[in-house]
C-alpha atoms as a PDB file:
ATOM      1  CA  UNK A   1      29.047  21.195  20.145  1.00  0.00           C
ATOM      2  CA  UNK A   2      30.642  17.970  18.947  1.00  0.00           C
ATOM      3  CA  UNK A   3      30.313  17.045  15.258  1.00  0.00           C
ATOM      4  CA  UNK A   4      27.543  14.687  14.244  1.00  0.00           C
ATOM      5  CA  UNK A   5      28.378  11.011  13.939  1.00  0.00           C
ATOM      6  CA  UNK A   6      27.684   9.003  10.748  1.00  0.00           C
ATOM      7  CA  UNK A   7      24.773   7.366  12.577  1.00  0.00           C
ATOM      8  CA  UNK A   8      23.276  10.767  13.386  1.00  0.00           C
ATOM      9  CA  UNK A   9      23.625  11.868   9.767  1.00  0.00           C
ATOM     10  CA  UNK A  10      21.910   8.667   8.637  1.00  0.00           C
ATOM     11  CA  UNK A  11      19.068   9.226  11.117  1.00  0.00           C
ATOM     12  CA  UNK A  12      18.617  12.781   9.822  1.00  0.00           C
ATOM     13  CA  UNK A  13      18.603  11.528   6.232  1.00  0.00           C
ATOM     14  CA  UNK A  14      16.043   8.812   7.002  1.00  0.00           C
ATOM     15  CA  UNK A  15      13.874  11.346   8.816  1.00  0.00           C
ATOM     16  CA  UNK A  16      13.915  13.608   5.770  1.00  0.00           C
ATOM     17  CA  UNK A  17      13.110  10.704   3.446  1.00  0.00           C
ATOM     18  CA  UNK A  18      10.165   9.756   5.632  1.00  0.00           C
ATOM     19  CA  UNK A  19       8.916  13.353   5.621  1.00  0.00           C
ATOM     20  CA  UNK A  20       9.132  13.537   1.823  1.00  0.00           C
ATOM     21  CA  UNK A  21       7.205  10.257   1.449  1.00  0.00           C
ATOM     22  CA  UNK A  22       4.515  11.433   3.881  1.00  0.00           C
ATOM     23  CA  UNK A  23       4.103  14.699   1.981  1.00  0.00           C
ATOM     24  CA  UNK A  24       4.117  12.942  -1.383  1.00  0.00           C
ATOM     25  CA  UNK A  25       1.526  10.366  -0.292  1.00  0.00           C
ATOM     26  CA  UNK A  26      -0.846  13.091   0.898  1.00  0.00           C
ATOM     27  CA  UNK A  27      -0.546  15.100  -2.325  1.00  0.00           C
ATOM     28  CA  UNK A  28      -0.579  12.069  -4.627  1.00  0.00           C
ATOM     29  CA  UNK A  29      -3.779  10.910  -2.922  1.00  0.00           C
ATOM     30  CA  UNK A  30      -5.590  14.253  -2.733  1.00  0.00           C
ATOM     31  CA  UNK A  31      -4.396  16.016  -5.885  1.00  0.00           C
ATOM     32  CA  UNK A  32      -3.543  13.109  -8.170  1.00  0.00           C
ATOM     33  CA  UNK A  33      -0.296  11.365  -8.987  1.00  0.00           C
ATOM     34  CA  UNK A  34      -0.036  12.849 -12.474  1.00  0.00           C
ATOM     35  CA  UNK A  35      -0.818  16.363 -11.291  1.00  0.00           C
ATOM     36  CA  UNK A  36       1.686  16.357  -8.430  1.00  0.00           C
ATOM     37  CA  UNK A  37       5.173  17.384  -9.512  1.00  0.00           C
ATOM     38  CA  UNK A  38       8.526  16.927  -7.804  1.00  0.00           C
ATOM     39  CA  UNK A  39       8.687  20.711  -7.405  1.00  0.00           C
ATOM     40  CA  UNK A  40       5.316  20.689  -5.662  1.00  0.00           C
ATOM     41  CA  UNK A  41       6.394  17.960  -3.245  1.00  0.00           C
ATOM     42  CA  UNK A  42       9.722  19.682  -2.537  1.00  0.00           C
ATOM     43  CA  UNK A  43       8.007  22.985  -1.759  1.00  0.00           C
ATOM     44  CA  UNK A  44       5.588  21.407   0.686  1.00  0.00           C
ATOM     45  CA  UNK A  45       8.364  19.328   2.276  1.00  0.00           C
ATOM     46  CA  UNK A  46      10.392  22.512   2.802  1.00  0.00           C
ATOM     47  CA  UNK A  47      13.378  21.573   0.653  1.00  0.00           C
ATOM     48  CA  UNK A  48      14.716  22.569  -2.759  1.00  0.00           C
ATOM     49  CA  UNK A  49      13.880  20.640  -5.913  1.00  0.00           C
ATOM     50  CA  UNK A  50      17.575  19.896  -6.406  1.00  0.00           C
ATOM     51  CA  UNK A  51      17.863  18.404  -2.931  1.00  0.00           C
ATOM     52  CA  UNK A  52      14.823  16.221  -3.603  1.00  0.00           C
ATOM     53  CA  UNK A  53      16.834  14.310  -6.190  1.00  0.00           C
ATOM     54  CA  UNK A  54      19.422  13.464  -3.532  1.00  0.00           C
ATOM     55  CA  UNK A  55      16.711  11.421  -1.851  1.00  0.00           C
ATOM     56  CA  UNK A  56      14.647  10.123  -4.789  1.00  0.00           C
ATOM     57  CA  UNK A  57      15.872   9.984  -8.360  1.00  0.00           C
ATOM     58  CA  UNK A  58      12.402  10.372  -9.882  1.00  0.00           C
ATOM     59  CA  UNK A  59       8.712  10.630  -9.069  1.00  0.00           C
ATOM     60  CA  UNK A  60       8.296   6.996 -10.132  1.00  0.00           C
ATOM     61  CA  UNK A  61      10.977   5.910  -7.667  1.00  0.00           C
ATOM     62  CA  UNK A  62       9.297   7.952  -4.934  1.00  0.00           C
ATOM     63  CA  UNK A  63       5.966   6.248  -5.608  1.00  0.00           C
ATOM     64  CA  UNK A  64       7.661   2.852  -5.636  1.00  0.00           C
ATOM     65  CA  UNK A  65       9.214   3.470  -2.226  1.00  0.00           C
ATOM     66  CA  UNK A  66       5.932   4.739  -0.763  1.00  0.00           C
ATOM     67  CA  UNK A  67       4.282   1.469  -1.787  1.00  0.00           C
ATOM     68  CA  UNK A  68       7.255  -0.516  -0.506  1.00  0.00           C
ATOM     69  CA  UNK A  69       7.092   1.198   2.885  1.00  0.00           C
ATOM     70  CA  UNK A  70       3.325   0.791   3.073  1.00  0.00           C
ATOM     71  CA  UNK A  71       3.414  -2.944   2.430  1.00  0.00           C
ATOM     72  CA  UNK A  72       6.598  -3.588   4.387  1.00  0.00           C
ATOM     73  CA  UNK A  73       5.083  -3.417   7.859  1.00  0.00           C
ATOM     74  CA  UNK A  74       2.317  -5.864   7.015  1.00  0.00           C
ATOM     75  CA  UNK A  75       4.747  -8.257   5.338  1.00  0.00           C
ATOM     76  CA  UNK A  76       6.598  -8.750   8.642  1.00  0.00           C
ATOM     77  CA  UNK A  77       3.690 -10.788   9.965  1.00  0.00           C
ATOM     78  CA  UNK A  78       3.303 -13.112   6.987  1.00  0.00           C
ATOM     79  CA  UNK A  79       5.115 -16.448   7.455  1.00  0.00           C
ATOM     80  CA  UNK A  80       7.121 -14.863  10.302  1.00  0.00           C
ATOM     81  CA  UNK A  81       9.571 -17.766  10.619  1.00  0.00           C
ATOM     82  CA  UNK A  82      10.180 -17.608   6.830  1.00  0.00           C
ATOM     83  CA  UNK A  83      10.088 -21.366   6.404  1.00  0.00           C
ATOM     84  CA  UNK A  84       7.950 -21.229   3.261  1.00  0.00           C
ATOM     85  CA  UNK A  85       4.962 -22.877   4.950  1.00  0.00           C
ATOM     86  CA  UNK A  86       1.893 -20.998   6.187  1.00  0.00           C
ATOM     87  CA  UNK A  87       0.421 -22.762   9.223  1.00  0.00           C
ATOM     88  CA  UNK A  88      -3.066 -22.127  10.598  1.00  0.00           C
ATOM     89  CA  UNK A  89      -1.541 -20.241  13.538  1.00  0.00           C
ATOM     90  CA  UNK A  90       0.514 -18.046  11.199  1.00  0.00           C
ATOM     91  CA  UNK A  91      -2.551 -17.421   9.044  1.00  0.00           C
ATOM     92  CA  UNK A  92      -4.501 -16.214  12.095  1.00  0.00           C
ATOM     93  CA  UNK A  93      -1.592 -14.043  13.270  1.00  0.00           C
ATOM     94  CA  UNK A  94      -1.358 -12.404   9.855  1.00  0.00           C
ATOM     95  CA  UNK A  95      -5.090 -11.596   9.761  1.00  0.00           C
ATOM     96  CA  UNK A  96      -5.080 -10.154  13.277  1.00  0.00           C
ATOM     97  CA  UNK A  97      -1.917  -8.083  12.807  1.00  0.00           C
ATOM     98  CA  UNK A  98      -3.018  -6.772   9.401  1.00  0.00           C
ATOM     99  CA  UNK A  99      -6.342  -5.503  10.673  1.00  0.00           C
ATOM    100  CA  UNK A 100      -4.739  -4.121  13.823  1.00  0.00           C
ATOM    101  CA  UNK A 101      -2.406  -2.019  11.672  1.00  0.00           C
ATOM    102  CA  UNK A 102      -5.285  -0.882   9.473  1.00  0.00           C
ATOM    103  CA  UNK A 103      -7.351   0.053  12.504  1.00  0.00           C
ATOM    104  CA  UNK A 104      -4.538   1.965  14.213  1.00  0.00           C
ATOM    105  CA  UNK A 105      -3.344   3.828  11.102  1.00  0.00           C
ATOM    106  CA  UNK A 106      -6.614   4.556   9.317  1.00  0.00           C
ATOM    107  CA  UNK A 107      -5.632   8.024   8.078  1.00  0.00           C
ATOM    108  CA  UNK A 108      -2.476   6.636   6.457  1.00  0.00           C
ATOM    109  CA  UNK A 109      -4.270   3.725   4.749  1.00  0.00           C
ATOM    110  CA  UNK A 110      -7.095   6.003   3.645  1.00  0.00           C
ATOM    111  CA  UNK A 111      -4.572   8.059   1.703  1.00  0.00           C
ATOM    112  CA  UNK A 112      -2.917   4.912   0.376  1.00  0.00           C
ATOM    113  CA  UNK A 113      -6.216   3.523  -0.930  1.00  0.00           C
ATOM    114  CA  UNK A 114      -7.066   6.891  -2.493  1.00  0.00           C
ATOM    115  CA  UNK A 115      -3.737   6.735  -4.285  1.00  0.00           C
ATOM    116  CA  UNK A 116      -4.319   3.194  -5.551  1.00  0.00           C
ATOM    117  CA  UNK A 117      -7.790   4.132  -6.821  1.00  0.00           C
ATOM    118  CA  UNK A 118      -6.203   6.357  -9.460  1.00  0.00           C
ATOM    119  CA  UNK A 119      -6.211   4.321 -12.655  1.00  0.00           C
ATOM    120  CA  UNK A 120      -2.668   5.114 -13.777  1.00  0.00           C
ATOM    121  CA  UNK A 121      -1.246   4.291 -10.347  1.00  0.00           C
ATOM    122  CA  UNK A 122      -3.322   1.126  -9.946  1.00  0.00           C
ATOM    123  CA  UNK A 123      -2.363  -0.118 -13.415  1.00  0.00           C
ATOM    124  CA  UNK A 124       1.311   0.473 -12.661  1.00  0.00           C
ATOM    125  CA  UNK A 125       0.976  -1.167  -9.254  1.00  0.00           C
ATOM    126  CA  UNK A 126      -0.637  -4.292 -10.726  1.00  0.00           C
ATOM    127  CA  UNK A 127       1.950  -4.565 -13.515  1.00  0.00           C
ATOM    128  CA  UNK A 128       4.979  -3.996 -11.332  1.00  0.00           C
ATOM    129  CA  UNK A 129       4.053  -5.727  -8.095  1.00  0.00           C
ATOM    130  CA  UNK A 130       1.389  -8.292  -8.933  1.00  0.00           C
ATOM    131  CA  UNK A 131       2.132  -9.142 -12.561  1.00  0.00           C
ATOM    132  CA  UNK A 132       5.094  -8.576 -14.829  1.00  0.00           C
ATOM    133  CA  UNK A 133       6.480  -5.592 -16.633  1.00  0.00           C
ATOM    134  CA  UNK A 134       6.048  -2.024 -15.489  1.00  0.00           C
ATOM    135  CA  UNK A 135       8.585   0.749 -15.181  1.00  0.00           C
ATOM    136  CA  UNK A 136       9.371   1.099 -11.472  1.00  0.00           C
ATOM    137  CA  UNK A 137      13.171   1.114 -11.119  1.00  0.00           C
ATOM    138  CA  UNK A 138      14.944  -1.789  -9.367  1.00  0.00           C
ATOM    139  CA  UNK A 139      11.604  -3.460  -8.890  1.00  0.00           C
ATOM    140  CA  UNK A 140      13.060  -6.941  -8.441  1.00  0.00           C
ATOM    141  CA  UNK A 141      14.890  -5.769  -5.340  1.00  0.00           C
ATOM    142  CA  UNK A 142      11.758  -4.299  -3.806  1.00  0.00           C
ATOM    143  CA  UNK A 143      10.552  -5.987  -0.621  1.00  0.00           C
ATOM    144  CA  UNK A 144       6.940  -5.401  -1.684  1.00  0.00           C
ATOM    145  CA  UNK A 145       7.485  -7.393  -4.868  1.00  0.00           C
ATOM    146  CA  UNK A 146       9.020 -10.247  -2.878  1.00  0.00           C
ATOM    147  CA  UNK A 147       6.147 -10.122  -0.411  1.00  0.00           C
ATOM    148  CA  UNK A 148       3.444 -10.333  -3.091  1.00  0.00           C
ATOM    149  CA  UNK A 149       5.197 -13.231  -4.813  1.00  0.00           C
ATOM    150  CA  UNK A 150       5.555 -15.103  -1.528  1.00  0.00           C
ATOM    151  CA  UNK A 151       2.029 -14.209  -0.413  1.00  0.00           C
ATOM    152  CA  UNK A 152       0.491 -15.465  -3.664  1.00  0.00           C
ATOM    153  CA  UNK A 153       2.384 -18.756  -3.458  1.00  0.00           C
ATOM    154  CA  UNK A 154       1.860 -19.547   0.225  1.00  0.00           C
ATOM    155  CA  UNK A 155      -1.750 -18.418   0.506  1.00  0.00           C
ATOM    156  CA  UNK A 156      -2.693 -20.526  -2.528  1.00  0.00           C
ATOM    157  CA  UNK A 157      -0.921 -23.550  -1.054  1.00  0.00           C
ATOM    158  CA  UNK A 158      -2.702 -22.909   2.253  1.00  0.00           C
ATOM    159  CA  UNK A 159      -6.135 -23.070   0.646  1.00  0.00           C
ATOM    160  CA  UNK A 160      -5.240 -26.088  -1.494  1.00  0.00           C
ATOM    161  CA  UNK A 161      -4.272 -28.007   1.675  1.00  0.00           C
ATOM    162  CA  UNK A 162      -7.707 -27.276   3.122  1.00  0.00           C
ATOM    163  CA  UNK A 163      -9.169 -29.457   0.376  1.00  0.00           C
ATOM    164  CA  UNK A 164      -7.971 -32.542   2.284  1.00  0.00           C
ATOM    165  CA  UNK A 165     -10.515 -31.869   5.039  1.00  0.00           C
ATOM    166  CA  UNK A 166     -13.398 -30.591   2.926  1.00  0.00           C
ATOM    167  CA  UNK A 167     -16.314 -32.435   1.246  1.00  0.00           C
ATOM    168  CA  UNK A 168     -15.998 -33.643  -2.343  1.00  0.00           C
ATOM    169  CA  UNK A 169     -16.434 -30.832  -4.818  1.00  0.00           C
ATOM    170  CA  UNK A 170     -14.735 -28.234  -2.646  1.00  0.00           C
ATOM    171  CA  UNK A 171     -12.928 -25.682  -4.835  1.00  0.00           C
ATOM    172  CA  UNK A 172     -10.040 -24.041  -2.962  1.00  0.00           C
ATOM    173  CA  UNK A 173      -9.687 -21.296  -5.586  1.00  0.00           C
ATOM    174  CA  UNK A 174     -13.252 -20.130  -5.015  1.00  0.00           C
ATOM    175  CA  UNK A 175     -12.608 -20.055  -1.277  1.00  0.00           C
ATOM    176  CA  UNK A 176      -9.351 -18.173  -1.856  1.00  0.00           C
ATOM    177  CA  UNK A 177     -11.020 -15.576  -4.061  1.00  0.00           C
ATOM    178  CA  UNK A 178     -13.829 -15.106  -1.553  1.00  0.00           C
ATOM    179  CA  UNK A 179     -11.236 -14.617   1.193  1.00  0.00           C
ATOM    180  CA  UNK A 180      -9.427 -11.978  -0.882  1.00  0.00           C
ATOM    181  CA  UNK A 181     -12.640 -10.115  -1.758  1.00  0.00           C
ATOM    182  CA  UNK A 182     -13.826 -10.184   1.855  1.00  0.00           C
ATOM    183  CA  UNK A 183     -10.563  -8.994   3.393  1.00  0.00           C
ATOM    184  CA  UNK A 184     -10.006  -6.286   0.765  1.00  0.00           C
ATOM    185  CA  UNK A 185     -13.535  -4.974   1.262  1.00  0.00           C
ATOM    186  CA  UNK A 186     -13.301  -5.012   5.056  1.00  0.00           C
ATOM    187  CA  UNK A 187      -9.881  -3.319   4.887  1.00  0.00           C
ATOM    188  CA  UNK A 188     -11.225  -0.425   2.853  1.00  0.00           C
ATOM    189  CA  UNK A 189     -14.292  -0.029   5.067  1.00  0.00           C
ATOM    190  CA  UNK A 190     -12.027   0.003   8.136  1.00  0.00           C
ATOM    191  CA  UNK A 191      -9.738   2.638   6.620  1.00  0.00           C
ATOM    192  CA  UNK A 192     -12.605   5.021   5.873  1.00  0.00           C
ATOM    193  CA  UNK A 193     -14.386   4.765   9.228  1.00  0.00           C
ATOM    194  CA  UNK A 194     -14.133   7.853  11.441  1.00  0.00           C
ATOM    195  CA  UNK A 195     -14.771   5.749  14.520  1.00  0.00           C
ATOM    196  CA  UNK A 196     -14.614   2.004  15.054  1.00  0.00           C
ATOM    197  CA  UNK A 197     -17.019  -0.075  17.080  1.00  0.00           C
ATOM    198  CA  UNK A 198     -14.411  -2.219  18.799  1.00  0.00           C
ATOM    199  CA  UNK A 199     -16.770  -5.075  19.634  1.00  0.00           C
ATOM    200  CA  UNK A 200     -18.132  -5.284  16.070  1.00  0.00           C
ATOM    201  CA  UNK A 201     -14.623  -4.987  14.639  1.00  0.00           C
ATOM    202  CA  UNK A 202     -13.281  -7.811  16.809  1.00  0.00           C
ATOM    203  CA  UNK A 203     -16.236 -10.059  16.006  1.00  0.00           C
ATOM    204  CA  UNK A 204     -15.748  -9.472  12.273  1.00  0.00           C
ATOM    205  CA  UNK A 205     -12.050 -10.327  12.427  1.00  0.00           C
ATOM    206  CA  UNK A 206     -12.849 -13.453  14.450  1.00  0.00           C
ATOM    207  CA  UNK A 207     -15.488 -14.462  11.899  1.00  0.00           C
ATOM    208  CA  UNK A 208     -13.057 -14.108   8.996  1.00  0.00           C
ATOM    209  CA  UNK A 209     -10.580 -16.317  10.840  1.00  0.00           C
ATOM    210  CA  UNK A 210     -13.325 -18.816  11.675  1.00  0.00           C
ATOM    211  CA  UNK A 211     -14.365 -19.051   8.026  1.00  0.00           C
ATOM    212  CA  UNK A 212     -10.927 -19.523   6.525  1.00  0.00           C
ATOM    213  CA  UNK A 213      -8.549 -20.901   9.187  1.00  0.00           C
END
């Protein structure tokens, strides 16, 4: 048998990292972030505690990377040409792709939402990714942080531009907040459904686009 190549070693390492994050997400969500120790995760991932630290330097770093991975796939579809301008077509693409991912990976997002519902995790998430401060390591280099900053800027500009074609008195910030509340609520409902009525789902997504495109 020929020795493994550097690429093969990297693939093995990435596979193990992915396994650890999957195990950690499940236990963080079901047993609580505070209650789940590195030793617990290592045991259920089938590796030693010492080896765990070769992949993640701390539990906080592990949580940070789980969030980063979770948001990363969705972020690919936001302003895909990266020109700093969100067109109506890009807005529609983002809505459709986001809900497609939620629909196809409901078990994953169910665990992710359960994790974010824990007060200590949610507070840290809001401080580190949405606001300022927090203690996640290397947070400024995190793609999730960049995504949320870009999302906040471009989506606000998108709704402000809509004011040009709306009646006097239109408040884009109210519309923006309603959009956020609606999509967050529909996302959580979608994640927790055991089965999805495809026709109803598609009509709901189309209606959201119709309201805010």
